[in-house]
C-alpha atoms as a PDB file:
ATOM      1  CA  MET A   1      35.956  28.817 -25.485  1.00  0.00           C
ATOM      2  CA  ASN A   2      37.737  31.356 -23.389  1.00  0.00           C
ATOM      3  CA  GLU A   3      37.248  31.868 -19.632  1.00  0.00           C
ATOM      4  CA  HIS A   4      34.838  34.799 -20.121  1.00  0.00           C
ATOM      5  CA  THR A   5      32.587  32.751 -22.389  1.00  0.00           C
ATOM      6  CA  ILE A   6      32.517  29.860 -19.929  1.00  0.00           C
ATOM      7  CA  LYS A   7      31.570  32.177 -17.019  1.00  0.00           C
ATOM      8  CA  ALA A   8      28.847  33.822 -19.093  1.00  0.00           C
ATOM      9  CA  ALA A   9      27.419  30.431 -20.041  1.00  0.00           C
ATOM     10  CA  ARG A  10      27.317  29.335 -16.387  1.00  0.00           C
ATOM     11  CA  ASN A  11      25.622  32.521 -15.199  1.00  0.00           C
ATOM     12  CA  THR A  12      22.786  32.556 -17.692  1.00  0.00           C
ATOM     13  CA  THR A  13      19.257  32.111 -16.462  1.00  0.00           C
ATOM     14  CA  SER A  14      16.241  31.589 -18.592  1.00  0.00           C
ATOM     15  CA  PRO A  15      13.685  34.399 -18.699  1.00  0.00           C
ATOM     16  CA  ILE A  16      11.187  32.117 -16.948  1.00  0.00           C
ATOM     17  CA  GLU A  17      13.479  31.805 -13.916  1.00  0.00           C
ATOM     18  CA  GLU A  18      13.473  35.578 -13.523  1.00  0.00           C
ATOM     19  CA  LEU A  19       9.686  35.731 -13.194  1.00  0.00           C
ATOM     20  CA  PRO A  20       8.035  36.017  -9.780  1.00  0.00           C
ATOM     21  CA  MET A  21       6.324  32.895  -8.394  1.00  0.00           C
ATOM     22  CA  LEU A  22       2.918  34.505  -9.029  1.00  0.00           C
ATOM     23  CA  LEU A  23       2.317  36.872 -11.933  1.00  0.00           C
ATOM     24  CA  THR A  24      -0.405  39.454 -12.299  1.00  0.00           C
ATOM     25  CA  ARG A  25      -2.727  39.009 -15.248  1.00  0.00           C
ATOM     26  CA  GLN A  26      -0.916  41.832 -17.042  1.00  0.00           C
ATOM     27  CA  GLU A  27       2.526  40.318 -16.405  1.00  0.00           C
ATOM     28  CA  ALA A  28       1.379  36.897 -17.626  1.00  0.00           C
ATOM     29  CA  ALA A  29      -0.278  38.399 -20.702  1.00  0.00           C
ATOM     30  CA  ASP A  30       2.834  40.435 -21.526  1.00  0.00           C
ATOM     31  CA  PHE A  31       5.073  37.380 -21.121  1.00  0.00           C
ATOM     32  CA  LEU A  32       2.840  35.331 -23.423  1.00  0.00           C
ATOM     33  CA  ARG A  33       2.464  38.281 -25.817  1.00  0.00           C
ATOM     34  CA  LYS A  34      -1.304  38.166 -25.493  1.00  0.00           C
ATOM     35  CA  HIS A  35      -3.895  40.746 -24.578  1.00  0.00           C
ATOM     36  CA  VAL A  36      -5.185  40.591 -20.989  1.00  0.00           C
ATOM     37  CA  ARG A  37      -8.668  39.779 -22.282  1.00  0.00           C
ATOM     38  CA  SER A  38      -7.272  36.837 -24.234  1.00  0.00           C
ATOM     39  CA  LEU A  39      -5.561  35.629 -21.065  1.00  0.00           C
ATOM     40  CA  ASP A  40      -8.819  36.039 -19.120  1.00  0.00           C
ATOM     41  CA  ARG A  41     -10.600  33.944 -21.747  1.00  0.00           C
ATOM     42  CA  LEU A  42      -7.976  31.189 -21.462  1.00  0.00           C
ATOM     43  CA  ILE A  43      -8.321  31.244 -17.669  1.00  0.00           C
ATOM     44  CA  ALA A  44     -12.132  31.058 -17.922  1.00  0.00           C
ATOM     45  CA  GLN A  45     -11.837  28.104 -20.324  1.00  0.00           C
ATOM     46  CA  GLY A  46      -9.523  26.329 -17.869  1.00  0.00           C
ATOM     47  CA  LYS A  47      -6.610  26.319 -20.311  1.00  0.00           C
ATOM     48  CA  ILE A  48      -4.487  28.397 -17.938  1.00  0.00           C
ATOM     49  CA  LYS A  49      -4.683  27.878 -14.184  1.00  0.00           C
ATOM     50  CA  ALA A  50      -4.908  30.933 -11.963  1.00  0.00           C
ATOM     51  CA  VAL A  51      -5.389  31.581  -8.268  1.00  0.00           C
ATOM     52  CA  ARG A  52      -7.321  34.286  -6.484  1.00  0.00           C
ATOM     53  CA  VAL A  53      -5.425  36.062  -3.727  1.00  0.00           C
ATOM     54  CA  GLY A  54      -7.620  38.627  -2.038  1.00  0.00           C
ATOM     55  CA  GLY A  55      -9.183  40.540  -4.901  1.00  0.00           C
ATOM     56  CA  SER A  56      -6.432  39.710  -7.396  1.00  0.00           C
ATOM     57  CA  VAL A  57      -6.210  36.937  -9.963  1.00  0.00           C
ATOM     58  CA  LEU A  58      -2.634  35.670 -10.241  1.00  0.00           C
ATOM     59  CA  VAL A  59      -1.032  33.166 -12.586  1.00  0.00           C
ATOM     60  CA  PRO A  60       1.605  30.786 -11.158  1.00  0.00           C
ATOM     61  CA  ARG A  61       5.006  30.812 -12.837  1.00  0.00           C
ATOM     62  CA  ALA A  62       4.609  27.042 -13.229  1.00  0.00           C
ATOM     63  CA  GLU A  63       1.812  27.734 -15.719  1.00  0.00           C
ATOM     64  CA  MET A  64       4.165  29.848 -17.827  1.00  0.00           C
ATOM     65  CA  GLU A  65       6.709  27.004 -17.720  1.00  0.00           C
ATOM     66  CA  ARG A  66       4.024  24.484 -18.742  1.00  0.00           C
ATOM     67  CA  ILE A  67       2.895  26.613 -21.673  1.00  0.00           C
ATOM     68  CA  LEU A  68       6.429  27.277 -22.881  1.00  0.00           C
ATOM     69  CA  SER A  69       7.292  23.580 -22.704  1.00  0.00           C
ATOM     70  CA  GLY A  70       4.504  22.812 -25.144  1.00  0.00           C
ATOM     71  CA  GLY A  71       1.387  22.667 -22.985  1.00  0.00           C
ATOM     72  CA  ASP A  72      -1.869  23.924 -24.421  1.00  0.00           C
ATOM     73  CA  ALA A  73      -2.867  27.554 -23.996  1.00  0.00           C
END
């Protein structure tokens, strides 16, 4: 490995780390490659946790991490 390759390897972040702490329903659906209605169904079934902030429903980044690490969704 040359010096450039080593620096590039150290500076990489996973896509999940670039997400905001709370995602809108659309952002979460896009990240999971699902339709917003499918995401809403999963939230209603309790398979994905979401929080209500004011009038918005937001999905914590931790839920995206859980799903990507093999959790049910």
